[in-house]
Amino acid sequence: VRGRFSISRDNAKNTVYLQMNSLEH
């Protein structure tokens, strides 16, 4: 997934995200 996915977090919102681009089967 390297280069396609991106993980981030917002500690103020107690939330972690996973942005997934160029998704494959």
mmCIF file of all heavy atoms, coordinates in Angstrom:
data_MODEL
# 
_entry.id   MODEL 
# 
loop_
_atom_site.group_PDB 
_atom_site.id 
_atom_site.type_symbol 
_atom_site.label_atom_id 
_atom_site.label_alt_id 
_atom_site.label_comp_id 
_atom_site.label_asym_id 
_atom_site.label_entity_id 
_atom_site.label_seq_id 
_atom_site.pdbx_PDB_ins_code 
_atom_site.Cartn_x 
_atom_site.Cartn_y 
_atom_site.Cartn_z 
_atom_site.occupancy 
_atom_site.B_iso_or_equiv 
_atom_site.pdbx_formal_charge 
_atom_site.auth_seq_id 
_atom_site.auth_comp_id 
_atom_site.auth_asym_id 
_atom_site.auth_atom_id 
_atom_site.pdbx_PDB_model_num 
ATOM 1   N N   . VAL A 1 1  ? 0.804   -1.221 0.000   1.00 0.00 ? 1  VAL A N   1 
ATOM 2   C CA  . VAL A 1 1  ? 0.000   0.000  0.000   1.00 0.00 ? 1  VAL A CA  1 
ATOM 3   C C   . VAL A 1 1  ? 0.835   1.267  0.000   1.00 0.00 ? 1  VAL A C   1 
ATOM 4   O O   . VAL A 1 1  ? 0.284   2.360  -0.172  1.00 0.00 ? 1  VAL A O   1 
ATOM 5   C CB  . VAL A 1 1  ? -0.968  0.034  1.198   1.00 0.00 ? 1  VAL A CB  1 
ATOM 6   C CG1 . VAL A 1 1  ? -1.826  -1.219 1.235   1.00 0.00 ? 1  VAL A CG1 1 
ATOM 7   C CG2 . VAL A 1 1  ? -0.211  0.203  2.510   1.00 0.00 ? 1  VAL A CG2 1 
ATOM 8   N N   . ARG A 1 2  ? 2.131   1.137  0.178   1.00 0.00 ? 2  ARG A N   1 
ATOM 9   C CA  . ARG A 1 2  ? 2.992   2.312  0.237   1.00 0.00 ? 2  ARG A CA  1 
ATOM 10  C C   . ARG A 1 2  ? 2.880   3.123  -1.044  1.00 0.00 ? 2  ARG A C   1 
ATOM 11  O O   . ARG A 1 2  ? 2.964   2.590  -2.145  1.00 0.00 ? 2  ARG A O   1 
ATOM 12  C CB  . ARG A 1 2  ? 4.437   1.907  0.494   1.00 0.00 ? 2  ARG A CB  1 
ATOM 13  C CG  . ARG A 1 2  ? 5.373   3.092  0.737   1.00 0.00 ? 2  ARG A CG  1 
ATOM 14  C CD  . ARG A 1 2  ? 6.787   2.639  1.077   1.00 0.00 ? 2  ARG A CD  1 
ATOM 15  N NE  . ARG A 1 2  ? 6.849   1.925  2.342   1.00 0.00 ? 2  ARG A NE  1 
ATOM 16  C CZ  . ARG A 1 2  ? 7.042   0.623  2.456   1.00 0.00 ? 2  ARG A CZ  1 
ATOM 17  N NH1 . ARG A 1 2  ? 7.207   -0.126 1.370   1.00 0.00 ? 2  ARG A NH1 1 
ATOM 18  N NH2 . ARG A 1 2  ? 7.075   0.059  3.651   1.00 0.00 ? 2  ARG A NH2 1 
ATOM 19  N N   . GLY A 1 3  ? 2.693   4.422  -0.883  1.00 0.00 ? 3  GLY A N   1 
ATOM 20  C CA  . GLY A 1 3  ? 2.518   5.299  -2.022  1.00 0.00 ? 3  GLY A CA  1 
ATOM 21  C C   . GLY A 1 3  ? 1.082   5.507  -2.422  1.00 0.00 ? 3  GLY A C   1 
ATOM 22  O O   . GLY A 1 3  ? 0.779   6.459  -3.152  1.00 0.00 ? 3  GLY A O   1 
ATOM 23  N N   . ARG A 1 4  ? 0.196   4.633  -1.963  1.00 0.00 ? 4  ARG A N   1 
ATOM 24  C CA  . ARG A 1 4  ? -1.225  4.748  -2.280  1.00 0.00 ? 4  ARG A CA  1 
ATOM 25  C C   . ARG A 1 4  ? -2.061  5.114  -1.057  1.00 0.00 ? 4  ARG A C   1 
ATOM 26  O O   . ARG A 1 4  ? -3.049  5.840  -1.171  1.00 0.00 ? 4  ARG A O   1 
ATOM 27  C CB  . ARG A 1 4  ? -1.760  3.442  -2.872  1.00 0.00 ? 4  ARG A CB  1 
ATOM 28  C CG  . ARG A 1 4  ? -1.078  3.029  -4.166  1.00 0.00 ? 4  ARG A CG  1 
ATOM 29  C CD  . ARG A 1 4  ? -1.760  1.824  -4.791  1.00 0.00 ? 4  ARG A CD  1 
ATOM 30  N NE  . ARG A 1 4  ? -1.708  0.650  -3.925  1.00 0.00 ? 4  ARG A NE  1 
ATOM 31  C CZ  . ARG A 1 4  ? -2.787  0.054  -3.420  1.00 0.00 ? 4  ARG A CZ  1 
ATOM 32  N NH1 . ARG A 1 4  ? -4.002  0.513  -3.698  1.00 0.00 ? 4  ARG A NH1 1 
ATOM 33  N NH2 . ARG A 1 4  ? -2.652  -1.021 -2.649  1.00 0.00 ? 4  ARG A NH2 1 
ATOM 34  N N   . PHE A 1 5  ? -1.670  4.600  0.092   1.00 0.00 ? 5  PHE A N   1 
ATOM 35  C CA  . PHE A 1 5  ? -2.404  4.855  1.324   1.00 0.00 ? 5  PHE A CA  1 
ATOM 36  C C   . PHE A 1 5  ? -1.631  5.839  2.188   1.00 0.00 ? 5  PHE A C   1 
ATOM 37  O O   . PHE A 1 5  ? -0.399  5.904  2.140   1.00 0.00 ? 5  PHE A O   1 
ATOM 38  C CB  . PHE A 1 5  ? -2.608  3.568  2.126   1.00 0.00 ? 5  PHE A CB  1 
ATOM 39  C CG  . PHE A 1 5  ? -3.559  2.588  1.509   1.00 0.00 ? 5  PHE A CG  1 
ATOM 40  C CD1 . PHE A 1 5  ? -4.042  2.753  0.223   1.00 0.00 ? 5  PHE A CD1 1 
ATOM 41  C CD2 . PHE A 1 5  ? -3.973  1.481  2.238   1.00 0.00 ? 5  PHE A CD2 1 
ATOM 42  C CE1 . PHE A 1 5  ? -4.917  1.837  -0.342  1.00 0.00 ? 5  PHE A CE1 1 
ATOM 43  C CE2 . PHE A 1 5  ? -4.848  0.564  1.689   1.00 0.00 ? 5  PHE A CE2 1 
ATOM 44  C CZ  . PHE A 1 5  ? -5.322  0.744  0.396   1.00 0.00 ? 5  PHE A CZ  1 
ATOM 45  N N   . SER A 1 6  ? -2.356  6.579  2.997   1.00 0.00 ? 6  SER A N   1 
ATOM 46  C CA  . SER A 1 6  ? -1.744  7.527  3.909   1.00 0.00 ? 6  SER A CA  1 
ATOM 47  C C   . SER A 1 6  ? -2.477  7.512  5.242   1.00 0.00 ? 6  SER A C   1 
ATOM 48  O O   . SER A 1 6  ? -3.699  7.676  5.278   1.00 0.00 ? 6  SER A O   1 
ATOM 49  C CB  . SER A 1 6  ? -1.760  8.939  3.313   1.00 0.00 ? 6  SER A CB  1 
ATOM 50  O OG  . SER A 1 6  ? -1.197  9.880  4.194   1.00 0.00 ? 6  SER A OG  1 
ATOM 51  N N   . ILE A 1 7  ? -1.743  7.299  6.315   1.00 0.00 ? 7  ILE A N   1 
ATOM 52  C CA  . ILE A 1 7  ? -2.325  7.294  7.645   1.00 0.00 ? 7  ILE A CA  1 
ATOM 53  C C   . ILE A 1 7  ? -2.036  8.625  8.323   1.00 0.00 ? 7  ILE A C   1 
ATOM 54  O O   . ILE A 1 7  ? -0.954  9.190  8.171   1.00 0.00 ? 7  ILE A O   1 
ATOM 55  C CB  . ILE A 1 7  ? -1.797  6.113  8.491   1.00 0.00 ? 7  ILE A CB  1 
ATOM 56  C CG1 . ILE A 1 7  ? -2.539  6.022  9.820   1.00 0.00 ? 7  ILE A CG1 1 
ATOM 57  C CG2 . ILE A 1 7  ? -0.296  6.219  8.705   1.00 0.00 ? 7  ILE A CG2 1 
ATOM 58  C CD1 . ILE A 1 7  ? -2.217  4.756  10.619  1.00 0.00 ? 7  ILE A CD1 1 
ATOM 59  N N   . SER A 1 8  ? -3.003  9.123  9.055   1.00 0.00 ? 8  SER A N   1 
ATOM 60  C CA  . SER A 1 8  ? -2.839  10.372 9.787   1.00 0.00 ? 8  SER A CA  1 
ATOM 61  C C   . SER A 1 8  ? -3.694  10.318 11.047  1.00 0.00 ? 8  SER A C   1 
ATOM 62  O O   . SER A 1 8  ? -4.538  9.439  11.199  1.00 0.00 ? 8  SER A O   1 
ATOM 63  C CB  . SER A 1 8  ? -3.228  11.578 8.920   1.00 0.00 ? 8  SER A CB  1 
ATOM 64  O OG  . SER A 1 8  ? -4.590  11.510 8.540   1.00 0.00 ? 8  SER A OG  1 
ATOM 65  N N   . ARG A 1 9  ? -3.462  11.253 11.937  1.00 0.00 ? 9  ARG A N   1 
ATOM 66  C CA  . ARG A 1 9  ? -4.242  11.287 13.164  1.00 0.00 ? 9  ARG A CA  1 
ATOM 67  C C   . ARG A 1 9  ? -4.478  12.717 13.599  1.00 0.00 ? 9  ARG A C   1 
ATOM 68  O O   . ARG A 1 9  ? -3.692  13.619 13.311  1.00 0.00 ? 9  ARG A O   1 
ATOM 69  C CB  . ARG A 1 9  ? -3.546  10.492 14.279  1.00 0.00 ? 9  ARG A CB  1 
ATOM 70  C CG  . ARG A 1 9  ? -2.239  11.105 14.770  1.00 0.00 ? 9  ARG A CG  1 
ATOM 71  C CD  . ARG A 1 9  ? -1.506  10.144 15.705  1.00 0.00 ? 9  ARG A CD  1 
ATOM 72  N NE  . ARG A 1 9  ? -2.288  9.839  16.894  1.00 0.00 ? 9  ARG A NE  1 
ATOM 73  C CZ  . ARG A 1 9  ? -2.070  8.801  17.696  1.00 0.00 ? 9  ARG A CZ  1 
ATOM 74  N NH1 . ARG A 1 9  ? -1.092  7.941  17.408  1.00 0.00 ? 9  ARG A NH1 1 
ATOM 75  N NH2 . ARG A 1 9  ? -2.832  8.610  18.763  1.00 0.00 ? 9  ARG A NH2 1 
ATOM 76  N N   . ASP A 1 10 ? -5.569  12.905 14.297  1.00 0.00 ? 10 ASP A N   1 
ATOM 77  C CA  . ASP A 1 10 ? -5.918  14.178 14.888  1.00 0.00 ? 10 ASP A CA  1 
ATOM 78  C C   . ASP A 1 10 ? -6.194  13.902 16.354  1.00 0.00 ? 10 ASP A C   1 
ATOM 79  O O   . ASP A 1 10 ? -7.285  13.474 16.723  1.00 0.00 ? 10 ASP A O   1 
ATOM 80  C CB  . ASP A 1 10 ? -7.135  14.788 14.197  1.00 0.00 ? 10 ASP A CB  1 
ATOM 81  C CG  . ASP A 1 10 ? -7.431  16.195 14.669  1.00 0.00 ? 10 ASP A CG  1 
ATOM 82  O OD1 . ASP A 1 10 ? -6.962  16.588 15.751  1.00 0.00 ? 10 ASP A OD1 1 
ATOM 83  O OD2 . ASP A 1 10 ? -8.138  16.926 13.945  1.00 0.00 ? 10 ASP A OD2 1 
ATOM 84  N N   . ASN A 1 11 ? -5.192  14.130 17.177  1.00 0.00 ? 11 ASN A N   1 
ATOM 85  C CA  . ASN A 1 11 ? -5.325  13.801 18.590  1.00 0.00 ? 11 ASN A CA  1 
ATOM 86  C C   . ASN A 1 11 ? -6.376  14.659 19.294  1.00 0.00 ? 11 ASN A C   1 
ATOM 87  O O   . ASN A 1 11 ? -6.980  14.221 20.271  1.00 0.00 ? 11 ASN A O   1 
ATOM 88  C CB  . ASN A 1 11 ? -3.979  13.944 19.291  1.00 0.00 ? 11 ASN A CB  1 
ATOM 89  C CG  . ASN A 1 11 ? -3.002  12.856 18.887  1.00 0.00 ? 11 ASN A CG  1 
ATOM 90  O OD1 . ASN A 1 11 ? -3.378  11.874 18.243  1.00 0.00 ? 11 ASN A OD1 1 
ATOM 91  N ND2 . ASN A 1 11 ? -1.745  13.021 19.262  1.00 0.00 ? 11 ASN A ND2 1 
ATOM 92  N N   . ALA A 1 12 ? -6.584  15.868 18.804  1.00 0.00 ? 12 ALA A N   1 
ATOM 93  C CA  . ALA A 1 12 ? -7.611  16.724 19.385  1.00 0.00 ? 12 ALA A CA  1 
ATOM 94  C C   . ALA A 1 12 ? -9.002  16.148 19.174  1.00 0.00 ? 12 ALA A C   1 
ATOM 95  O O   . ALA A 1 12 ? -9.909  16.397 19.970  1.00 0.00 ? 12 ALA A O   1 
ATOM 96  C CB  . ALA A 1 12 ? -7.530  18.130 18.804  1.00 0.00 ? 12 ALA A CB  1 
ATOM 97  N N   . LYS A 1 13 ? -9.180  15.395 18.101  1.00 0.00 ? 13 LYS A N   1 
ATOM 98  C CA  . LYS A 1 13 ? -10.456 14.760 17.799  1.00 0.00 ? 13 LYS A CA  1 
ATOM 99  C C   . LYS A 1 13 ? -10.480 13.282 18.161  1.00 0.00 ? 13 LYS A C   1 
ATOM 100 O O   . LYS A 1 13 ? -11.484 12.602 17.910  1.00 0.00 ? 13 LYS A O   1 
ATOM 101 C CB  . LYS A 1 13 ? -10.801 14.926 16.318  1.00 0.00 ? 13 LYS A CB  1 
ATOM 102 C CG  . LYS A 1 13 ? -11.070 16.363 15.892  1.00 0.00 ? 13 LYS A CG  1 
ATOM 103 C CD  . LYS A 1 13 ? -11.456 16.424 14.423  1.00 0.00 ? 13 LYS A CD  1 
ATOM 104 C CE  . LYS A 1 13 ? -11.937 17.805 14.023  1.00 0.00 ? 13 LYS A CE  1 
ATOM 105 N NZ  . LYS A 1 13 ? -10.899 18.836 14.192  1.00 0.00 ? 13 LYS A NZ  1 
ATOM 106 N N   . ASN A 1 14 ? -9.401  12.775 18.705  1.00 0.00 ? 14 ASN A N   1 
ATOM 107 C CA  . ASN A 1 14 ? -9.295  11.353 19.055  1.00 0.00 ? 14 ASN A CA  1 
ATOM 108 C C   . ASN A 1 14 ? -9.632  10.462 17.858  1.00 0.00 ? 14 ASN A C   1 
ATOM 109 O O   . ASN A 1 14 ? -10.372 9.480  17.973  1.00 0.00 ? 14 ASN A O   1 
ATOM 110 C CB  . ASN A 1 14 ? -10.207 11.013 20.229  1.00 0.00 ? 14 ASN A CB  1 
ATOM 111 C CG  . ASN A 1 14 ? -9.670  11.517 21.554  1.00 0.00 ? 14 ASN A CG  1 
ATOM 112 O OD1 . ASN A 1 14 ? -8.685  12.243 21.612  1.00 0.00 ? 14 ASN A OD1 1 
ATOM 113 N ND2 . ASN A 1 14 ? -10.332 11.128 22.638  1.00 0.00 ? 14 ASN A ND2 1 
ATOM 114 N N   . THR A 1 15 ? -9.070  10.803 16.725  1.00 0.00 ? 15 THR A N   1 
ATOM 115 C CA  . THR A 1 15 ? -9.413  10.114 15.487  1.00 0.00 ? 15 THR A CA  1 
ATOM 116 C C   . THR A 1 15 ? -8.161  9.822  14.668  1.00 0.00 ? 15 THR A C   1 
ATOM 117 O O   . THR A 1 15 ? -7.256  10.655 14.594  1.00 0.00 ? 15 THR A O   1 
ATOM 118 C CB  . THR A 1 15 ? -10.388 10.946 14.644  1.00 0.00 ? 15 THR A CB  1 
ATOM 119 O OG1 . THR A 1 15 ? -11.559 11.233 15.420  1.00 0.00 ? 15 THR A OG1 1 
ATOM 120 C CG2 . THR A 1 15 ? -10.807 10.198 13.390  1.00 0.00 ? 15 THR A CG2 1 
ATOM 121 N N   . VAL A 1 16 ? -8.137  8.651  14.064  1.00 0.00 ? 16 VAL A N   1 
ATOM 122 C CA  . VAL A 1 16 ? -7.088  8.281  13.132  1.00 0.00 ? 16 VAL A CA  1 
ATOM 123 C C   . VAL A 1 16 ? -7.741  7.999  11.785  1.00 0.00 ? 16 VAL A C   1 
ATOM 124 O O   . VAL A 1 16 ? -8.871  7.494  11.728  1.00 0.00 ? 16 VAL A O   1 
ATOM 125 C CB  . VAL A 1 16 ? -6.272  7.069  13.633  1.00 0.00 ? 16 VAL A CB  1 
ATOM 126 C CG1 . VAL A 1 16 ? -7.152  5.828  13.758  1.00 0.00 ? 16 VAL A CG1 1 
ATOM 127 C CG2 . VAL A 1 16 ? -5.087  6.810  12.717  1.00 0.00 ? 16 VAL A CG2 1 
ATOM 128 N N   . TYR A 1 17 ? -7.048  8.334  10.710  1.00 0.00 ? 17 TYR A N   1 
ATOM 129 C CA  . TYR A 1 17 ? -7.597  8.215  9.373   1.00 0.00 ? 17 TYR A CA  1 
ATOM 130 C C   . TYR A 1 17 ? -6.711  7.331  8.510   1.00 0.00 ? 17 TYR A C   1 
ATOM 131 O O   . TYR A 1 17 ? -5.510  7.198  8.738   1.00 0.00 ? 17 TYR A O   1 
ATOM 132 C CB  . TYR A 1 17 ? -7.712  9.585  8.707   1.00 0.00 ? 17 TYR A CB  1 
ATOM 133 C CG  . TYR A 1 17 ? -8.479  10.603 9.505   1.00 0.00 ? 17 TYR A CG  1 
ATOM 134 C CD1 . TYR A 1 17 ? -7.816  11.488 10.346  1.00 0.00 ? 17 TYR A CD1 1 
ATOM 135 C CD2 . TYR A 1 17 ? -9.867  10.687 9.419   1.00 0.00 ? 17 TYR A CD2 1 
ATOM 136 C CE1 . TYR A 1 17 ? -8.511  12.435 11.083  1.00 0.00 ? 17 TYR A CE1 1 
ATOM 137 C CE2 . TYR A 1 17 ? -10.564 11.625 10.151  1.00 0.00 ? 17 TYR A CE2 1 
ATOM 138 C CZ  . TYR A 1 17 ? -9.894  12.496 10.977  1.00 0.00 ? 17 TYR A CZ  1 
ATOM 139 O OH  . TYR A 1 17 ? -10.588 13.432 11.710  1.00 0.00 ? 17 TYR A OH  1 
ATOM 140 N N   . LEU A 1 18 ? -7.324  6.755  7.508   1.00 0.00 ? 18 LEU A N   1 
ATOM 141 C CA  . LEU A 1 18 ? -6.596  6.039  6.475   1.00 0.00 ? 18 LEU A CA  1 
ATOM 142 C C   . LEU A 1 18 ? -7.142  6.493  5.136   1.00 0.00 ? 18 LEU A C   1 
ATOM 143 O O   . LEU A 1 18 ? -8.258  6.126  4.759   1.00 0.00 ? 18 LEU A O   1 
ATOM 144 C CB  . LEU A 1 18 ? -6.733  4.521  6.625   1.00 0.00 ? 18 LEU A CB  1 
ATOM 145 C CG  . LEU A 1 18 ? -5.918  3.702  5.622   1.00 0.00 ? 18 LEU A CG  1 
ATOM 146 C CD1 . LEU A 1 18 ? -4.423  3.878  5.878   1.00 0.00 ? 18 LEU A CD1 1 
ATOM 147 C CD2 . LEU A 1 18 ? -6.296  2.225  5.680   1.00 0.00 ? 18 LEU A CD2 1 
ATOM 148 N N   . GLN A 1 19 ? -6.370  7.304  4.450   1.00 0.00 ? 19 GLN A N   1 
ATOM 149 C CA  . GLN A 1 19 ? -6.734  7.754  3.115   1.00 0.00 ? 19 GLN A CA  1 
ATOM 150 C C   . GLN A 1 19 ? -6.228  6.732  2.118   1.00 0.00 ? 19 GLN A C   1 
ATOM 151 O O   . GLN A 1 19 ? -5.030  6.471  2.043   1.00 0.00 ? 19 GLN A O   1 
ATOM 152 C CB  . GLN A 1 19 ? -6.128  9.128  2.824   1.00 0.00 ? 19 GLN A CB  1 
ATOM 153 C CG  . GLN A 1 19 ? -6.422  9.664  1.432   1.00 0.00 ? 19 GLN A CG  1 
ATOM 154 C CD  . GLN A 1 19 ? -7.888  9.972  1.225   1.00 0.00 ? 19 GLN A CD  1 
ATOM 155 O OE1 . GLN A 1 19 ? -8.514  10.610 2.062   1.00 0.00 ? 19 GLN A OE1 1 
ATOM 156 N NE2 . GLN A 1 19 ? -8.449  9.501  0.112   1.00 0.00 ? 19 GLN A NE2 1 
ATOM 157 N N   . MET A 1 20 ? -7.132  6.158  1.349   1.00 0.00 ? 20 MET A N   1 
ATOM 158 C CA  . MET A 1 20 ? -6.800  5.112  0.398   1.00 0.00 ? 20 MET A CA  1 
ATOM 159 C C   . MET A 1 20 ? -7.054  5.618  -1.008  1.00 0.00 ? 20 MET A C   1 
ATOM 160 O O   . MET A 1 20 ? -8.189  5.938  -1.370  1.00 0.00 ? 20 MET A O   1 
ATOM 161 C CB  . MET A 1 20 ? -7.612  3.846  0.672   1.00 0.00 ? 20 MET A CB  1 
ATOM 162 C CG  . MET A 1 20 ? -7.453  3.313  2.090   1.00 0.00 ? 20 MET A CG  1 
ATOM 163 S SD  . MET A 1 20 ? -8.342  1.757  2.360   1.00 0.00 ? 20 MET A SD  1 
ATOM 164 C CE  . MET A 1 20 ? -10.035 2.350  2.234   1.00 0.00 ? 20 MET A CE  1 
ATOM 165 N N   . ASN A 1 21 ? -6.003  5.695  -1.791  1.00 0.00 ? 21 ASN A N   1 
ATOM 166 C CA  . ASN A 1 21 ? -6.086  6.140  -3.170  1.00 0.00 ? 21 ASN A CA  1 
ATOM 167 C C   . ASN A 1 21 ? -5.667  5.018  -4.110  1.00 0.00 ? 21 ASN A C   1 
ATOM 168 O O   . ASN A 1 21 ? -5.011  4.065  -3.710  1.00 0.00 ? 21 ASN A O   1 
ATOM 169 C CB  . ASN A 1 21 ? -5.198  7.365  -3.400  1.00 0.00 ? 21 ASN A CB  1 
ATOM 170 C CG  . ASN A 1 21 ? -5.589  8.553  -2.559  1.00 0.00 ? 21 ASN A CG  1 
ATOM 171 O OD1 . ASN A 1 21 ? -6.771  8.788  -2.316  1.00 0.00 ? 21 ASN A OD1 1 
ATOM 172 N ND2 . ASN A 1 21 ? -4.597  9.324  -2.117  1.00 0.00 ? 21 ASN A ND2 1 
ATOM 173 N N   . SER A 1 22 ? -6.038  5.164  -5.365  1.00 0.00 ? 22 SER A N   1 
ATOM 174 C CA  . SER A 1 22 ? -5.693  4.176  -6.391  1.00 0.00 ? 22 SER A CA  1 
ATOM 175 C C   . SER A 1 22 ? -6.022  2.764  -5.929  1.00 0.00 ? 22 SER A C   1 
ATOM 176 O O   . SER A 1 22 ? -5.208  1.841  -6.019  1.00 0.00 ? 22 SER A O   1 
ATOM 177 C CB  . SER A 1 22 ? -4.209  4.290  -6.760  1.00 0.00 ? 22 SER A CB  1 
ATOM 178 O OG  . SER A 1 22 ? -3.901  5.574  -7.244  1.00 0.00 ? 22 SER A OG  1 
ATOM 179 N N   . LEU A 1 23 ? -7.219  2.591  -5.435  1.00 0.00 ? 23 LEU A N   1 
ATOM 180 C CA  . LEU A 1 23 ? -7.623  1.312  -4.877  1.00 0.00 ? 23 LEU A CA  1 
ATOM 181 C C   . LEU A 1 23 ? -7.636  0.215  -5.936  1.00 0.00 ? 23 LEU A C   1 
ATOM 182 O O   . LEU A 1 23 ? -7.990  0.445  -7.095  1.00 0.00 ? 23 LEU A O   1 
ATOM 183 C CB  . LEU A 1 23 ? -8.995  1.432  -4.230  1.00 0.00 ? 23 LEU A CB  1 
ATOM 184 C CG  . LEU A 1 23 ? -8.982  2.128  -2.864  1.00 0.00 ? 23 LEU A CG  1 
ATOM 185 C CD1 . LEU A 1 23 ? -10.379 2.587  -2.485  1.00 0.00 ? 23 LEU A CD1 1 
ATOM 186 C CD2 . LEU A 1 23 ? -8.420  1.187  -1.809  1.00 0.00 ? 23 LEU A CD2 1 
ATOM 187 N N   . GLU A 1 24 ? -7.251  -0.972 -5.507  1.00 0.00 ? 24 GLU A N   1 
ATOM 188 C CA  . GLU A 1 24 ? -7.174  -2.137 -6.362  1.00 0.00 ? 24 GLU A CA  1 
ATOM 189 C C   . GLU A 1 24 ? -8.076  -3.238 -5.824  1.00 0.00 ? 24 GLU A C   1 
ATOM 190 O O   . GLU A 1 24 ? -8.493  -3.208 -4.667  1.00 0.00 ? 24 GLU A O   1 
ATOM 191 C CB  . GLU A 1 24 ? -5.719  -2.634 -6.440  1.00 0.00 ? 24 GLU A CB  1 
ATOM 192 C CG  . GLU A 1 24 ? -4.728  -1.578 -6.876  1.00 0.00 ? 24 GLU A CG  1 
ATOM 193 C CD  . GLU A 1 24 ? -3.287  -1.987 -6.662  1.00 0.00 ? 24 GLU A CD  1 
ATOM 194 O OE1 . GLU A 1 24 ? -3.055  -3.047 -6.039  1.00 0.00 ? 24 GLU A OE1 1 
ATOM 195 O OE2 . GLU A 1 24 ? -2.391  -1.255 -7.124  1.00 0.00 ? 24 GLU A OE2 1 
ATOM 196 N N   . HIS A 1 25 ? -8.354  -4.226 -6.674  1.00 0.00 ? 25 HIS A N   1 
ATOM 197 C CA  . HIS A 1 25 ? -9.183  -5.341 -6.241  1.00 0.00 ? 25 HIS A CA  1 
ATOM 198 C C   . HIS A 1 25 ? -8.587  -6.044 -5.023  1.00 0.00 ? 25 HIS A C   1 
ATOM 199 O O   . HIS A 1 25 ? -9.324  -6.508 -4.150  1.00 0.00 ? 25 HIS A O   1 
ATOM 200 C CB  . HIS A 1 25 ? -9.368  -6.343 -7.377  1.00 0.00 ? 25 HIS A CB  1 
ATOM 201 C CG  . HIS A 1 25 ? -10.211 -5.828 -8.502  1.00 0.00 ? 25 HIS A CG  1 
ATOM 202 N ND1 . HIS A 1 25 ? -9.666  -5.421 -9.703  1.00 0.00 ? 25 HIS A ND1 1 
ATOM 203 C CD2 . HIS A 1 25 ? -11.548 -5.648 -8.609  1.00 0.00 ? 25 HIS A CD2 1 
ATOM 204 C CE1 . HIS A 1 25 ? -10.633 -5.019 -10.501 1.00 0.00 ? 25 HIS A CE1 1 
ATOM 205 N NE2 . HIS A 1 25 ? -11.787 -5.144 -9.865  1.00 0.00 ? 25 HIS A NE2 1 
# 
